[in-house]
C-alpha atoms as a PDB file:
ATOM      1  CA  MET A   1     -43.337-151.653-134.401  1.00  0.00           C
ATOM      2  CA  ASN A   2     -40.312-153.560-133.092  1.00  0.00           C
ATOM      3  CA  LEU A   3     -36.587-153.052-133.732  1.00  0.00           C
ATOM      4  CA  ALA A   4     -36.398-155.444-136.683  1.00  0.00           C
ATOM      5  CA  GLN A   5     -39.391-153.780-138.335  1.00  0.00           C
ATOM      6  CA  GLY A   6     -37.831-150.344-137.818  1.00  0.00           C
ATOM      7  CA  ILE A   7     -34.607-151.492-139.486  1.00  0.00           C
ATOM      8  CA  LEU A   8     -36.579-153.000-142.383  1.00  0.00           C
ATOM      9  CA  LEU A   9     -38.454-149.724-142.899  1.00  0.00           C
ATOM     10  CA  GLY A  10     -35.159-147.812-142.778  1.00  0.00           C
ATOM     11  CA  LEU A  11     -33.722-150.137-145.405  1.00  0.00           C
ATOM     12  CA  LEU A  12     -36.759-149.572-147.598  1.00  0.00           C
ATOM     13  CA  GLN A  13     -36.534-145.795-147.132  1.00  0.00           C
ATOM     14  CA  GLY A  14     -32.816-145.740-147.878  1.00  0.00           C
ATOM     15  CA  VAL A  15     -33.351-147.490-151.195  1.00  0.00           C
ATOM     16  CA  THR A  16     -36.628-146.053-152.455  1.00  0.00           C
ATOM     17  CA  GLU A  17     -36.039-142.376-151.565  1.00  0.00           C
ATOM     18  CA  TRP A  18     -33.543-142.101-154.417  1.00  0.00           C
ATOM     19  CA  LEU A  19     -35.371-144.270-156.924  1.00  0.00           C
ATOM     20  CA  PRO A  20     -38.200-142.879-159.048  1.00  0.00           C
ATOM     21  CA  ILE A  21     -40.675-144.797-156.896  1.00  0.00           C
ATOM     22  CA  SER A  22     -42.335-143.510-153.770  1.00  0.00           C
ATOM     23  CA  SER A  23     -40.497-144.095-150.487  1.00  0.00           C
ATOM     24  CA  SER A  24     -43.476-142.762-148.532  1.00  0.00           C
ATOM     25  CA  GLY A  25     -45.816-144.966-150.512  1.00  0.00           C
ATOM     26  CA  GLN A  26     -43.776-148.108-149.884  1.00  0.00           C
ATOM     27  CA  SER A  27     -43.345-147.372-146.155  1.00  0.00           C
ATOM     28  CA  MET A  28     -47.022-146.581-145.661  1.00  0.00           C
ATOM     29  CA  LEU A  29     -48.091-149.724-147.499  1.00  0.00           C
ATOM     30  CA  ILE A  30     -46.100-151.858-145.052  1.00  0.00           C
ATOM     31  CA  LEU A  31     -47.143-149.861-141.989  1.00  0.00           C
ATOM     32  CA  ILE A  32     -50.845-149.931-142.855  1.00  0.00           C
ATOM     33  CA  THR A  33     -51.263-153.398-144.352  1.00  0.00           C
ATOM     34  CA  LEU A  34     -48.725-155.465-142.402  1.00  0.00           C
ATOM     35  CA  LEU A  35     -48.148-153.600-139.128  1.00  0.00           C
ATOM     36  CA  GLN A  36     -51.773-152.404-138.772  1.00  0.00           C
ATOM     37  CA  VAL A  37     -50.722-148.802-138.114  1.00  0.00           C
ATOM     38  CA  THR A  38     -53.342-146.083-138.674  1.00  0.00           C
ATOM     39  CA  PRO A  39     -52.882-144.055-141.886  1.00  0.00           C
ATOM     40  CA  ALA A  40     -52.226-140.819-139.946  1.00  0.00           C
ATOM     41  CA  GLU A  41     -49.517-142.413-137.770  1.00  0.00           C
ATOM     42  CA  ALA A  42     -48.016-144.190-140.784  1.00  0.00           C
ATOM     43  CA  PHE A  43     -47.709-140.815-142.513  1.00  0.00           C
ATOM     44  CA  SER A  44     -45.777-139.322-139.558  1.00  0.00           C
ATOM     45  CA  ILE A  45     -43.472-142.344-139.278  1.00  0.00           C
ATOM     46  CA  SER A  46     -42.775-142.127-142.999  1.00  0.00           C
ATOM     47  CA  VAL A  47     -41.843-138.445-142.681  1.00  0.00           C
ATOM     48  CA  SER A  48     -39.497-139.207-139.760  1.00  0.00           C
ATOM     49  CA  LEU A  49     -37.719-141.989-141.674  1.00  0.00           C
ATOM     50  CA  HIS A  50     -36.689-139.364-144.231  1.00  0.00           C
ATOM     51  CA  LEU A  51     -34.279-137.869-141.675  1.00  0.00           C
ATOM     52  CA  GLY A  52     -31.785-140.643-142.423  1.00  0.00           C
ATOM     53  CA  SER A  53     -31.939-139.746-146.099  1.00  0.00           C
ATOM     54  CA  LEU A  54     -31.484-136.069-145.241  1.00  0.00           C
ATOM     55  CA  PHE A  55     -28.283-136.740-143.272  1.00  0.00           C
ATOM     56  CA  ALA A  56     -27.033-138.973-146.084  1.00  0.00           C
ATOM     57  CA  VAL A  57     -27.452-136.387-148.839  1.00  0.00           C
ATOM     58  CA  LEU A  58     -25.803-133.737-146.650  1.00  0.00           C
ATOM     59  CA  PHE A  59     -22.813-136.038-146.209  1.00  0.00           C
ATOM     60  CA  TYR A  60     -22.667-137.298-149.803  1.00  0.00           C
ATOM     61  CA  PHE A  61     -22.758-133.825-151.374  1.00  0.00           C
ATOM     62  CA  ARG A  62     -20.832-132.074-148.583  1.00  0.00           C
ATOM     63  CA  LYS A  63     -18.122-130.711-150.910  1.00  0.00           C
ATOM     64  CA  MET A  64     -20.661-129.291-153.340  1.00  0.00           C
ATOM     65  CA  LEU A  65     -22.686-127.800-150.486  1.00  0.00           C
ATOM     66  CA  PHE A  66     -19.622-126.178-148.909  1.00  0.00           C
ATOM     67  CA  GLY A  67     -19.017-124.412-152.222  1.00  0.00           C
ATOM     68  CA  LEU A  68     -22.674-123.473-152.671  1.00  0.00           C
ATOM     69  CA  LEU A  69     -22.132-119.732-152.115  1.00  0.00           C
ATOM     70  CA  GLY A  70     -19.656-119.713-154.977  1.00  0.00           C
ATOM     71  CA  ASP A  71     -22.045-121.485-157.356  1.00  0.00           C
ATOM     72  CA  ARG A  72     -24.690-118.865-157.986  1.00  0.00           C
ATOM     73  CA  ALA A  73     -26.539-120.919-160.583  1.00  0.00           C
ATOM     74  CA  LEU A  74     -27.051-123.840-158.191  1.00  0.00           C
ATOM     75  CA  LEU A  75     -27.875-121.569-155.255  1.00  0.00           C
ATOM     76  CA  ARG A  76     -30.469-119.678-157.327  1.00  0.00           C
ATOM     77  CA  PHE A  77     -31.953-122.966-158.526  1.00  0.00           C
ATOM     78  CA  LEU A  78     -32.329-124.308-154.973  1.00  0.00           C
ATOM     79  CA  VAL A  79     -33.848-121.091-153.610  1.00  0.00           C
ATOM     80  CA  VAL A  80     -36.439-120.812-156.389  1.00  0.00           C
ATOM     81  CA  ALA A  81     -37.231-124.534-156.403  1.00  0.00           C
ATOM     82  CA  SER A  82     -37.623-124.623-152.605  1.00  0.00           C
ATOM     83  CA  ALA A  83     -39.950-121.602-152.664  1.00  0.00           C
ATOM     84  CA  ALA A  84     -42.102-123.233-155.349  1.00  0.00           C
ATOM     85  CA  SER A  85     -42.158-126.481-153.349  1.00  0.00           C
ATOM     86  CA  ALA A  86     -43.323-124.663-150.227  1.00  0.00           C
ATOM     87  CA  LEU A  87     -46.053-122.719-152.029  1.00  0.00           C
ATOM     88  CA  LEU A  88     -47.581-125.895-153.451  1.00  0.00           C
ATOM     89  CA  GLY A  89     -46.515-128.457-150.869  1.00  0.00           C
ATOM     90  CA  LEU A  90     -47.731-126.735-147.700  1.00  0.00           C
ATOM     91  CA  PRO A  91     -51.446-126.601-148.624  1.00  0.00           C
ATOM     92  CA  VAL A  92     -51.244-130.131-150.064  1.00  0.00           C
ATOM     93  CA  TYR A  93     -49.650-131.375-146.822  1.00  0.00           C
ATOM     94  CA  LEU A  94     -52.175-129.656-144.540  1.00  0.00           C
ATOM     95  CA  GLY A  95     -55.079-131.035-146.534  1.00  0.00           C
ATOM     96  CA  LEU A  96     -53.498-134.463-146.721  1.00  0.00           C
ATOM     97  CA  ARG A  97     -53.128-134.842-142.948  1.00  0.00           C
ATOM     98  CA  ASP A  98     -56.876-134.381-142.517  1.00  0.00           C
ATOM     99  CA  ILE A  99     -57.633-136.906-145.248  1.00  0.00           C
ATOM    100  CA  PHE A 100     -55.290-139.547-143.875  1.00  0.00           C
ATOM    101  CA  SER A 101     -56.530-138.996-140.326  1.00  0.00           C
ATOM    102  CA  SER A 102     -59.998-140.171-141.343  1.00  0.00           C
ATOM    103  CA  ALA A 103     -59.216-142.560-144.208  1.00  0.00           C
ATOM    104  CA  SER A 104     -59.471-146.309-143.833  1.00  0.00           C
ATOM    105  CA  GLY A 105     -56.389-148.446-144.381  1.00  0.00           C
ATOM    106  CA  GLU A 106     -57.817-149.947-147.574  1.00  0.00           C
ATOM    107  CA  ALA A 107     -58.712-146.553-149.052  1.00  0.00           C
ATOM    108  CA  ALA A 108     -55.285-145.158-148.196  1.00  0.00           C
ATOM    109  CA  THR A 109     -53.554-148.154-149.782  1.00  0.00           C
ATOM    110  CA  MET A 110     -55.594-147.850-152.977  1.00  0.00           C
ATOM    111  CA  PHE A 111     -54.838-144.136-153.163  1.00  0.00           C
ATOM    112  CA  ILE A 112     -51.113-144.864-152.785  1.00  0.00           C
ATOM    113  CA  GLY A 113     -51.360-147.435-155.566  1.00  0.00           C
ATOM    114  CA  LEU A 114     -52.925-144.934-157.951  1.00  0.00           C
ATOM    115  CA  MET A 115     -50.212-142.404-157.191  1.00  0.00           C
ATOM    116  CA  LEU A 116     -47.498-144.997-157.861  1.00  0.00           C
ATOM    117  CA  ILE A 117     -49.073-145.824-161.233  1.00  0.00           C
ATOM    118  CA  PHE A 118     -49.209-142.102-162.027  1.00  0.00           C
ATOM    119  CA  THR A 119     -45.496-141.768-161.227  1.00  0.00           C
ATOM    120  CA  GLY A 120     -44.628-144.680-163.500  1.00  0.00           C
ATOM    121  CA  LEU A 121     -46.643-143.241-166.384  1.00  0.00           C
ATOM    122  CA  MET A 122     -44.910-139.884-165.965  1.00  0.00           C
ATOM    123  CA  LEU A 123     -41.516-141.577-166.194  1.00  0.00           C
ATOM    124  CA  ARG A 124     -42.570-143.415-169.355  1.00  0.00           C
ATOM    125  CA  LYS A 125     -43.233-140.049-171.027  1.00  0.00           C
ATOM    126  CA  ALA A 126     -39.946-138.439-169.955  1.00  0.00           C
ATOM    127  CA  LEU A 127     -37.460-138.233-172.814  1.00  0.00           C
ATOM    128  CA  GLY A 128     -34.415-136.256-171.710  1.00  0.00           C
ATOM    129  CA  THR A 129     -31.922-134.619-174.065  1.00  0.00           C
ATOM    130  CA  HIS A 130     -28.403-133.592-173.157  1.00  0.00           C
ATOM    131  CA  ARG A 131     -28.617-130.096-171.633  1.00  0.00           C
ATOM    132  CA  LYS A 132     -26.391-129.820-168.555  1.00  0.00           C
ATOM    133  CA  GLU A 133     -27.380-126.219-167.796  1.00  0.00           C
ATOM    134  CA  TYR A 134     -30.483-125.361-165.782  1.00  0.00           C
ATOM    135  CA  ASN A 135     -32.447-122.127-165.418  1.00  0.00           C
ATOM    136  CA  LEU A 136     -35.207-120.465-163.382  1.00  0.00           C
ATOM    137  CA  GLY A 137     -37.905-122.116-165.477  1.00  0.00           C
ATOM    138  CA  ASP A 138     -36.460-125.503-164.589  1.00  0.00           C
ATOM    139  CA  ALA A 139     -36.385-124.500-160.912  1.00  0.00           C
ATOM    140  CA  LEU A 140     -40.026-123.338-160.876  1.00  0.00           C
ATOM    141  CA  LEU A 141     -41.386-126.435-162.593  1.00  0.00           C
ATOM    142  CA  THR A 142     -39.250-128.875-160.618  1.00  0.00           C
ATOM    143  CA  GLY A 143     -39.940-127.139-157.317  1.00  0.00           C
ATOM    144  CA  GLY A 144     -43.667-127.245-157.971  1.00  0.00           C
ATOM    145  CA  ALA A 145     -43.437-130.942-158.825  1.00  0.00           C
ATOM    146  CA  GLN A 146     -41.581-131.577-155.583  1.00  0.00           C
ATOM    147  CA  GLY A 147     -44.282-129.767-153.611  1.00  0.00           C
ATOM    148  CA  VAL A 148     -47.009-131.973-155.070  1.00  0.00           C
ATOM    149  CA  ALA A 149     -44.879-135.037-154.307  1.00  0.00           C
ATOM    150  CA  ILE A 150     -45.714-134.717-150.605  1.00  0.00           C
ATOM    151  CA  LEU A 151     -48.651-136.950-151.572  1.00  0.00           C
ATOM    152  CA  PRO A 152     -47.836-140.509-150.425  1.00  0.00           C
ATOM    153  CA  GLY A 153     -47.354-142.636-153.507  1.00  0.00           C
ATOM    154  CA  VAL A 154     -46.064-139.760-155.633  1.00  0.00           C
ATOM    155  CA  SER A 155     -42.306-140.178-155.838  1.00  0.00           C
ATOM    156  CA  ARG A 156     -40.369-137.021-154.942  1.00  0.00           C
ATOM    157  CA  SER A 157     -37.325-138.106-156.909  1.00  0.00           C
ATOM    158  CA  GLY A 158     -39.547-139.485-159.668  1.00  0.00           C
ATOM    159  CA  THR A 159     -41.451-136.233-160.181  1.00  0.00           C
ATOM    160  CA  THR A 160     -38.389-133.983-159.919  1.00  0.00           C
ATOM    161  CA  ILE A 161     -36.289-136.132-162.257  1.00  0.00           C
ATOM    162  CA  THR A 162     -39.187-136.383-164.690  1.00  0.00           C
ATOM    163  CA  ALA A 163     -39.733-132.613-164.636  1.00  0.00           C
ATOM    164  CA  LEU A 164     -36.066-131.966-165.379  1.00  0.00           C
ATOM    165  CA  LEU A 165     -35.956-134.593-168.125  1.00  0.00           C
ATOM    166  CA  LEU A 166     -39.044-133.096-169.744  1.00  0.00           C
ATOM    167  CA  ARG A 167     -37.296-129.729-169.649  1.00  0.00           C
ATOM    168  CA  GLY A 168     -34.386-131.236-171.557  1.00  0.00           C
ATOM    169  CA  VAL A 169     -31.852-131.586-168.738  1.00  0.00           C
ATOM    170  CA  GLU A 170     -29.618-134.631-169.163  1.00  0.00           C
ATOM    171  CA  GLN A 171     -30.190-137.497-166.754  1.00  0.00           C
ATOM    172  CA  GLU A 172     -26.998-137.313-164.659  1.00  0.00           C
ATOM    173  CA  THR A 173     -27.539-133.615-163.943  1.00  0.00           C
ATOM    174  CA  ALA A 174     -31.228-134.231-163.256  1.00  0.00           C
ATOM    175  CA  LEU A 175     -30.322-136.946-160.754  1.00  0.00           C
ATOM    176  CA  SER A 176     -27.841-134.718-158.901  1.00  0.00           C
ATOM    177  CA  LEU A 177     -30.296-131.808-158.720  1.00  0.00           C
ATOM    178  CA  SER A 178     -33.063-134.103-157.492  1.00  0.00           C
ATOM    179  CA  PHE A 179     -30.853-135.444-154.705  1.00  0.00           C
ATOM    180  CA  ILE A 180     -29.785-131.982-153.540  1.00  0.00           C
ATOM    181  CA  MET A 181     -33.366-130.664-153.678  1.00  0.00           C
ATOM    182  CA  ALA A 182     -34.246-133.282-151.061  1.00  0.00           C
ATOM    183  CA  ILE A 183     -32.413-131.279-148.368  1.00  0.00           C
ATOM    184  CA  PRO A 184     -34.824-128.335-147.910  1.00  0.00           C
ATOM    185  CA  ALA A 185     -37.843-130.487-148.806  1.00  0.00           C
ATOM    186  CA  ILE A 186     -37.234-133.186-146.191  1.00  0.00           C
ATOM    187  CA  LEU A 187     -36.200-130.680-143.537  1.00  0.00           C
ATOM    188  CA  GLY A 188     -39.225-128.472-144.150  1.00  0.00           C
ATOM    189  CA  PHE A 189     -41.798-131.257-144.084  1.00  0.00           C
ATOM    190  CA  PHE A 190     -40.217-132.828-140.996  1.00  0.00           C
ATOM    191  CA  VAL A 191     -40.386-129.527-139.097  1.00  0.00           C
ATOM    192  CA  ILE A 192     -44.042-129.063-140.089  1.00  0.00           C
ATOM    193  CA  ASP A 193     -44.978-132.626-139.139  1.00  0.00           C
ATOM    194  CA  PHE A 194     -43.064-132.365-135.843  1.00  0.00           C
ATOM    195  CA  ALA A 195     -44.981-129.185-135.011  1.00  0.00           C
ATOM    196  CA  ASN A 196     -48.229-131.114-135.482  1.00  0.00           C
ATOM    197  CA  THR A 197     -47.338-134.430-133.852  1.00  0.00           C
ATOM    198  CA  GLY A 198     -44.406-133.672-131.520  1.00  0.00           C
ATOM    199  CA  LEU A 199     -42.610-136.763-130.215  1.00  0.00           C
ATOM    200  CA  SER A 200     -45.625-139.045-130.448  1.00  0.00           C
ATOM    201  CA  THR A 201     -43.957-141.368-132.994  1.00  0.00           C
ATOM    202  CA  LEU A 202     -40.435-141.247-131.514  1.00  0.00           C
ATOM    203  CA  SER A 203     -39.194-144.679-130.406  1.00  0.00           C
ATOM    204  CA  ALA A 204     -36.097-146.874-130.431  1.00  0.00           C
ATOM    205  CA  PRO A 205     -37.305-148.816-133.532  1.00  0.00           C
ATOM    206  CA  LEU A 206     -37.874-145.533-135.380  1.00  0.00           C
ATOM    207  CA  LEU A 207     -34.380-144.273-134.465  1.00  0.00           C
ATOM    208  CA  ALA A 208     -32.952-147.578-135.707  1.00  0.00           C
ATOM    209  CA  GLY A 209     -34.868-147.028-138.926  1.00  0.00           C
ATOM    210  CA  VAL A 210     -33.419-143.530-139.329  1.00  0.00           C
ATOM    211  CA  ALA A 211     -29.865-144.850-138.776  1.00  0.00           C
ATOM    212  CA  THR A 212     -30.430-147.653-141.290  1.00  0.00           C
ATOM    213  CA  SER A 213     -31.889-145.195-143.771  1.00  0.00           C
ATOM    214  CA  PHE A 214     -28.724-143.054-143.499  1.00  0.00           C
ATOM    215  CA  ILE A 215     -26.346-145.946-144.231  1.00  0.00           C
ATOM    216  CA  VAL A 216     -28.426-147.460-147.033  1.00  0.00           C
ATOM    217  CA  SER A 217     -29.073-144.038-148.606  1.00  0.00           C
ATOM    218  CA  LEU A 218     -25.329-143.436-148.981  1.00  0.00           C
ATOM    219  CA  GLY A 219     -24.881-146.713-150.828  1.00  0.00           C
ATOM    220  CA  THR A 220     -27.952-146.216-153.002  1.00  0.00           C
ATOM    221  CA  MET A 221     -26.986-142.685-154.082  1.00  0.00           C
ATOM    222  CA  HIS A 222     -23.462-143.782-154.975  1.00  0.00           C
ATOM    223  CA  TYR A 223     -24.781-146.706-156.999  1.00  0.00           C
ATOM    224  CA  LEU A 224     -27.396-144.664-158.842  1.00  0.00           C
ATOM    225  CA  MET A 225     -24.977-141.886-159.761  1.00  0.00           C
ATOM    226  CA  SER A 226     -22.848-144.486-161.537  1.00  0.00           C
ATOM    227  CA  LEU A 227     -25.877-145.945-163.351  1.00  0.00           C
ATOM    228  CA  SER A 228     -27.792-142.729-163.958  1.00  0.00           C
ATOM    229  CA  LYS A 229     -27.924-143.154-167.745  1.00  0.00           C
ATOM    230  CA  ARG A 230     -29.053-146.779-167.830  1.00  0.00           C
ATOM    231  CA  VAL A 231     -31.728-147.342-165.167  1.00  0.00           C
ATOM    232  CA  ASP A 232     -35.459-147.333-165.927  1.00  0.00           C
ATOM    233  CA  PHE A 233     -37.801-147.578-162.919  1.00  0.00           C
ATOM    234  CA  SER A 234     -41.128-146.731-164.565  1.00  0.00           C
ATOM    235  CA  GLY A 235     -42.270-150.325-165.035  1.00  0.00           C
ATOM    236  CA  PHE A 236     -41.529-151.187-161.409  1.00  0.00           C
ATOM    237  CA  ALA A 237     -43.584-148.247-160.141  1.00  0.00           C
ATOM    238  CA  ILE A 238     -46.548-149.220-162.344  1.00  0.00           C
ATOM    239  CA  VAL A 239     -46.451-152.883-161.252  1.00  0.00           C
ATOM    240  CA  ILE A 240     -46.189-152.092-157.533  1.00  0.00           C
ATOM    241  CA  GLY A 241     -48.883-149.430-157.845  1.00  0.00           C
ATOM    242  CA  SER A 242     -51.206-151.868-159.608  1.00  0.00           C
ATOM    243  CA  ILE A 243     -50.720-154.446-156.862  1.00  0.00           C
ATOM    244  CA  ALA A 244     -51.325-151.798-154.187  1.00  0.00           C
ATOM    245  CA  PHE A 245     -54.558-150.720-155.868  1.00  0.00           C
ATOM    246  CA  PHE A 246     -56.117-153.972-157.048  1.00  0.00           C
ATOM    247  CA  ILE A 247     -55.438-156.223-154.035  1.00  0.00           C
ATOM    248  CA  PRO A 248     -57.388-153.985-151.587  1.00  0.00           C
ATOM    249  CA  LEU A 249     -60.053-153.533-154.291  1.00  0.00           C
ATOM    250  CA  ALA A 250     -60.405-157.319-154.527  1.00  0.00           C
ATOM    251  CA  PHE A 251     -60.879-157.546-150.752  1.00  0.00           C
ATOM    252  CA  ILE A 252     -63.517-154.793-150.844  1.00  0.00           C
ATOM    253  CA  VAL A 253     -65.401-156.537-153.661  1.00  0.00           C
ATOM    254  CA  PHE A 254     -65.197-159.861-151.794  1.00  0.00           C
ATOM    255  CA  GLU A 255     -66.581-158.280-148.620  1.00  0.00           C
ATOM    256  CA  LEU A 256     -69.454-156.722-150.581  1.00  0.00           C
ATOM    257  CA  LEU A 257     -70.270-160.026-152.275  1.00  0.00           C
ATOM    258  CA  THR A 258     -70.334-161.900-148.961  1.00  0.00           C
ATOM    259  CA  GLN A 259     -72.957-159.486-147.655  1.00  0.00           C
ATOM    260  CA  PHE A 260     -75.492-160.653-150.240  1.00  0.00           C
END
């Protein structure tokens, strides 16, 4: 991976992390199919790119976070949601690393495609109402959804926004909560991945990608907050997921046919 590729991946991360499509899925598709990176290494690079998004959300919501101790409802929501994410996400993550360490690039890409389609279908079913308040039930369900979203191809923002919309939380509030929930989720998964891989993926191109992700994330969050009631990403996720699944499948079928 060179500097230009690192910046491109950071740009992709900075945009897709906040859209209801999978940032990990998009990054891994490029790393595996175009840059010929192994699935296990692509997973670690994808996790590291999230650091730029983490710094961006800390900066963007800095005023709200400074007043967090005075907002008991939000603090309780984050604590419960983060605990639920950890309980579900940790075993999923540990199992996933083993799978992606042995999976072929084609199999990993097809799996990512299926998860993207699943995310799009979930968004199609989400019909939010206008409830601005949120409760412990919302936190448990949304936190659990975020934990499962460690799977590459399953959008973290997509699943958390969908869960909140299905619970009846209005879209602008759901978007804000989803963004803030990224803080403990990204930090936790980065620490776990760093404990497993250390500095093996650290490089100048990756650092450039993290910096790019930070800048682009700020712009994307600001734009989405202003359009939170009008944007529909479900069709995009389904189309990209279909491409990611069927193109590798076509190559596999072609290879099988040429053997006869």
